[in-house]
């Protein structure tokens, strides 16, 4: 899935919408694109959902307006 020009290969669709987790670098990339629907992750166990990134996820990202 491509969102705001960034390709994600790991995301979840649930009752609350579509979301994933992202590392700090991708967090700042999304902020630089003007997107701020992200919250800090409570732990450091997930891997970034951006395709090709194996960094530890630090934030959750909500894909507002996206339907799978």
N, C-alpha and C. Protein backbone atom coordinates (compact mmCIF):
# COMPACT_ATOMS: atom_id res chain seq x y z
N UNK A 1 0.84 -1.17 0.00
CA UNK A 1 0.00 0.00 0.00
C UNK A 1 0.89 1.24 0.00
N UNK A 2 0.55 2.20 -0.81
CA UNK A 2 1.29 3.47 -0.85
C UNK A 2 0.43 4.56 -0.20
N UNK A 3 1.02 5.26 0.75
CA UNK A 3 0.34 6.33 1.47
C UNK A 3 1.27 7.53 1.54
N UNK A 4 0.82 8.65 1.02
CA UNK A 4 1.62 9.88 1.01
C UNK A 4 2.98 9.66 0.34
N UNK A 5 3.01 8.79 -0.68
CA UNK A 5 4.23 8.54 -1.42
C UNK A 5 5.18 7.56 -0.76
N UNK A 6 4.77 6.95 0.35
CA UNK A 6 5.61 5.98 1.07
C UNK A 6 4.94 4.61 0.96
N UNK A 7 5.73 3.58 0.58
CA UNK A 7 5.18 2.24 0.41
C UNK A 7 5.28 1.44 1.71
N UNK A 8 4.15 0.93 2.16
CA UNK A 8 4.07 0.10 3.37
C UNK A 8 3.80 -1.34 2.96
N UNK A 9 4.54 -2.28 3.57
CA UNK A 9 4.27 -3.69 3.31
C UNK A 9 3.73 -4.39 4.56
N UNK A 10 3.53 -3.63 5.63
CA UNK A 10 2.97 -4.17 6.86
C UNK A 10 1.99 -3.16 7.42
N UNK A 11 0.72 -3.51 7.42
CA UNK A 11 -0.33 -2.66 7.97
C UNK A 11 -1.47 -3.53 8.44
N UNK A 12 -2.34 -2.96 9.27
CA UNK A 12 -3.44 -3.70 9.86
C UNK A 12 -4.74 -2.95 9.60
N UNK A 13 -5.77 -3.72 9.24
CA UNK A 13 -7.10 -3.15 9.08
C UNK A 13 -7.96 -3.68 10.22
N UNK A 14 -8.52 -2.78 11.01
CA UNK A 14 -9.33 -3.19 12.15
C UNK A 14 -10.56 -2.32 12.29
N UNK A 15 -11.26 -2.49 13.37
CA UNK A 15 -12.47 -1.72 13.63
C UNK A 15 -12.20 -0.23 13.70
N UNK A 16 -10.99 0.14 14.10
CA UNK A 16 -10.62 1.55 14.23
C UNK A 16 -9.99 2.12 12.97
N UNK A 17 -9.98 1.37 11.87
CA UNK A 17 -9.39 1.84 10.63
C UNK A 17 -8.12 1.09 10.28
N UNK A 18 -7.33 1.68 9.40
CA UNK A 18 -6.10 1.08 8.93
C UNK A 18 -4.92 1.78 9.60
N UNK A 19 -3.95 0.99 10.11
CA UNK A 19 -2.81 1.57 10.81
C UNK A 19 -1.58 0.70 10.60
N UNK A 20 -0.44 1.25 10.97
CA UNK A 20 0.82 0.52 10.94
C UNK A 20 1.71 1.12 12.01
N UNK A 21 2.96 0.72 12.00
CA UNK A 21 3.95 1.27 12.91
C UNK A 21 5.14 1.74 12.10
N UNK A 22 5.81 2.79 12.58
CA UNK A 22 6.94 3.34 11.82
C UNK A 22 8.09 3.71 12.75
N UNK A 23 9.27 3.72 12.18
CA UNK A 23 10.48 4.10 12.92
C UNK A 23 10.56 5.63 13.01
N UNK A 24 11.53 6.08 13.75
CA UNK A 24 11.69 7.52 13.96
C UNK A 24 12.00 8.26 12.65
N UNK A 25 12.85 7.69 11.79
CA UNK A 25 13.17 8.34 10.51
C UNK A 25 11.94 8.51 9.64
N UNK A 26 11.11 7.47 9.56
CA UNK A 26 9.91 7.57 8.74
C UNK A 26 8.85 8.46 9.39
N UNK A 27 8.85 8.53 10.71
CA UNK A 27 7.98 9.48 11.41
C UNK A 27 8.30 10.90 10.94
N UNK A 28 9.59 11.26 10.97
CA UNK A 28 9.97 12.61 10.56
C UNK A 28 9.71 12.84 9.07
N UNK A 29 9.84 11.80 8.25
CA UNK A 29 9.50 11.94 6.83
C UNK A 29 8.01 12.27 6.66
N UNK A 30 7.14 11.59 7.41
CA UNK A 30 5.71 11.86 7.31
C UNK A 30 5.37 13.26 7.83
N UNK A 31 6.03 13.67 8.91
CA UNK A 31 5.82 15.03 9.45
C UNK A 31 6.24 16.05 8.40
N UNK A 32 7.35 15.81 7.71
CA UNK A 32 7.82 16.75 6.69
C UNK A 32 6.84 16.85 5.51
N UNK A 33 6.01 15.82 5.34
CA UNK A 33 4.99 15.82 4.29
C UNK A 33 3.68 16.42 4.79
N UNK A 34 3.69 16.88 6.04
CA UNK A 34 2.52 17.54 6.60
C UNK A 34 1.51 16.60 7.24
N UNK A 35 1.90 15.34 7.47
CA UNK A 35 0.98 14.37 8.07
C UNK A 35 1.32 14.19 9.54
N UNK A 36 0.30 14.26 10.41
CA UNK A 36 0.58 14.19 11.85
C UNK A 36 -0.34 13.24 12.61
N UNK A 37 -0.95 12.29 11.93
CA UNK A 37 -1.84 11.33 12.60
C UNK A 37 -1.02 10.15 13.11
N UNK A 38 -0.10 10.43 14.03
CA UNK A 38 0.79 9.41 14.58
C UNK A 38 0.87 9.58 16.09
N UNK A 39 1.04 8.47 16.79
CA UNK A 39 1.20 8.50 18.23
C UNK A 39 2.41 7.65 18.61
N UNK A 40 3.03 7.99 19.71
CA UNK A 40 4.19 7.25 20.16
C UNK A 40 3.81 5.84 20.59
N UNK A 41 4.62 4.87 20.21
CA UNK A 41 4.40 3.47 20.55
C UNK A 41 4.85 3.23 21.98
N UNK A 42 4.11 2.40 22.73
CA UNK A 42 4.50 2.15 24.11
C UNK A 42 5.70 1.23 24.28
N UNK A 43 6.12 0.56 23.22
CA UNK A 43 7.24 -0.37 23.33
C UNK A 43 8.13 -0.32 22.12
N UNK A 44 9.20 -1.08 22.14
CA UNK A 44 10.15 -1.11 21.04
C UNK A 44 10.27 -2.53 20.48
N UNK A 45 9.15 -3.19 20.25
CA UNK A 45 9.22 -4.58 19.81
C UNK A 45 8.84 -4.75 18.34
N UNK A 46 8.16 -3.80 17.75
CA UNK A 46 7.72 -3.91 16.36
C UNK A 46 8.76 -3.37 15.40
N UNK A 47 8.70 -3.85 14.18
CA UNK A 47 9.57 -3.38 13.11
C UNK A 47 8.77 -2.40 12.25
N UNK A 48 9.43 -1.40 11.72
CA UNK A 48 8.80 -0.39 10.88
C UNK A 48 8.03 -1.06 9.74
N UNK A 49 6.83 -0.56 9.46
CA UNK A 49 5.98 -1.12 8.42
C UNK A 49 6.29 -0.62 7.02
N UNK A 50 7.27 0.27 6.88
CA UNK A 50 7.64 0.78 5.56
C UNK A 50 8.45 -0.30 4.83
N UNK A 51 8.10 -0.52 3.58
CA UNK A 51 8.76 -1.57 2.79
C UNK A 51 10.27 -1.35 2.77
N UNK A 52 11.01 -2.42 3.11
CA UNK A 52 12.47 -2.38 3.07
C UNK A 52 13.13 -1.83 4.31
N UNK A 53 12.35 -1.38 5.29
CA UNK A 53 12.92 -0.82 6.52
C UNK A 53 12.85 -1.86 7.64
N UNK A 54 13.98 -2.11 8.27
CA UNK A 54 14.05 -3.07 9.37
C UNK A 54 14.34 -2.41 10.72
N UNK A 55 14.13 -1.11 10.79
CA UNK A 55 14.38 -0.38 12.03
C UNK A 55 13.25 -0.63 13.04
N UNK A 56 13.53 -0.42 14.30
CA UNK A 56 12.54 -0.57 15.35
C UNK A 56 11.49 0.53 15.25
N UNK A 57 10.23 0.14 15.33
CA UNK A 57 9.13 1.11 15.27
C UNK A 57 9.03 1.87 16.58
N UNK A 58 8.82 3.16 16.49
CA UNK A 58 8.67 4.02 17.66
C UNK A 58 7.29 4.68 17.72
N UNK A 59 6.54 4.62 16.60
CA UNK A 59 5.26 5.32 16.49
C UNK A 59 4.24 4.45 15.77
N UNK A 60 2.97 4.70 16.08
CA UNK A 60 1.86 4.16 15.31
C UNK A 60 1.41 5.24 14.34
N UNK A 61 1.00 4.82 13.14
CA UNK A 61 0.48 5.77 12.17
C UNK A 61 -0.91 5.31 11.74
N UNK A 62 -1.86 6.24 11.75
CA UNK A 62 -3.24 5.97 11.32
C UNK A 62 -3.39 6.47 9.89
N UNK A 63 -3.85 5.58 9.01
CA UNK A 63 -4.04 5.94 7.60
C UNK A 63 -5.45 6.49 7.42
N UNK A 64 -5.58 7.75 7.75
CA UNK A 64 -6.88 8.41 7.69
C UNK A 64 -7.42 8.43 6.26
N UNK A 65 -8.64 7.96 6.07
CA UNK A 65 -9.28 8.00 4.76
C UNK A 65 -8.91 6.86 3.84
N UNK A 66 -8.16 5.87 4.31
CA UNK A 66 -7.73 4.73 3.50
C UNK A 66 -8.63 3.53 3.79
N UNK A 67 -9.10 2.90 2.72
CA UNK A 67 -9.86 1.66 2.85
C UNK A 67 -9.13 0.59 2.06
N UNK A 68 -8.99 -0.59 2.62
CA UNK A 68 -8.30 -1.70 1.95
C UNK A 68 -9.33 -2.55 1.23
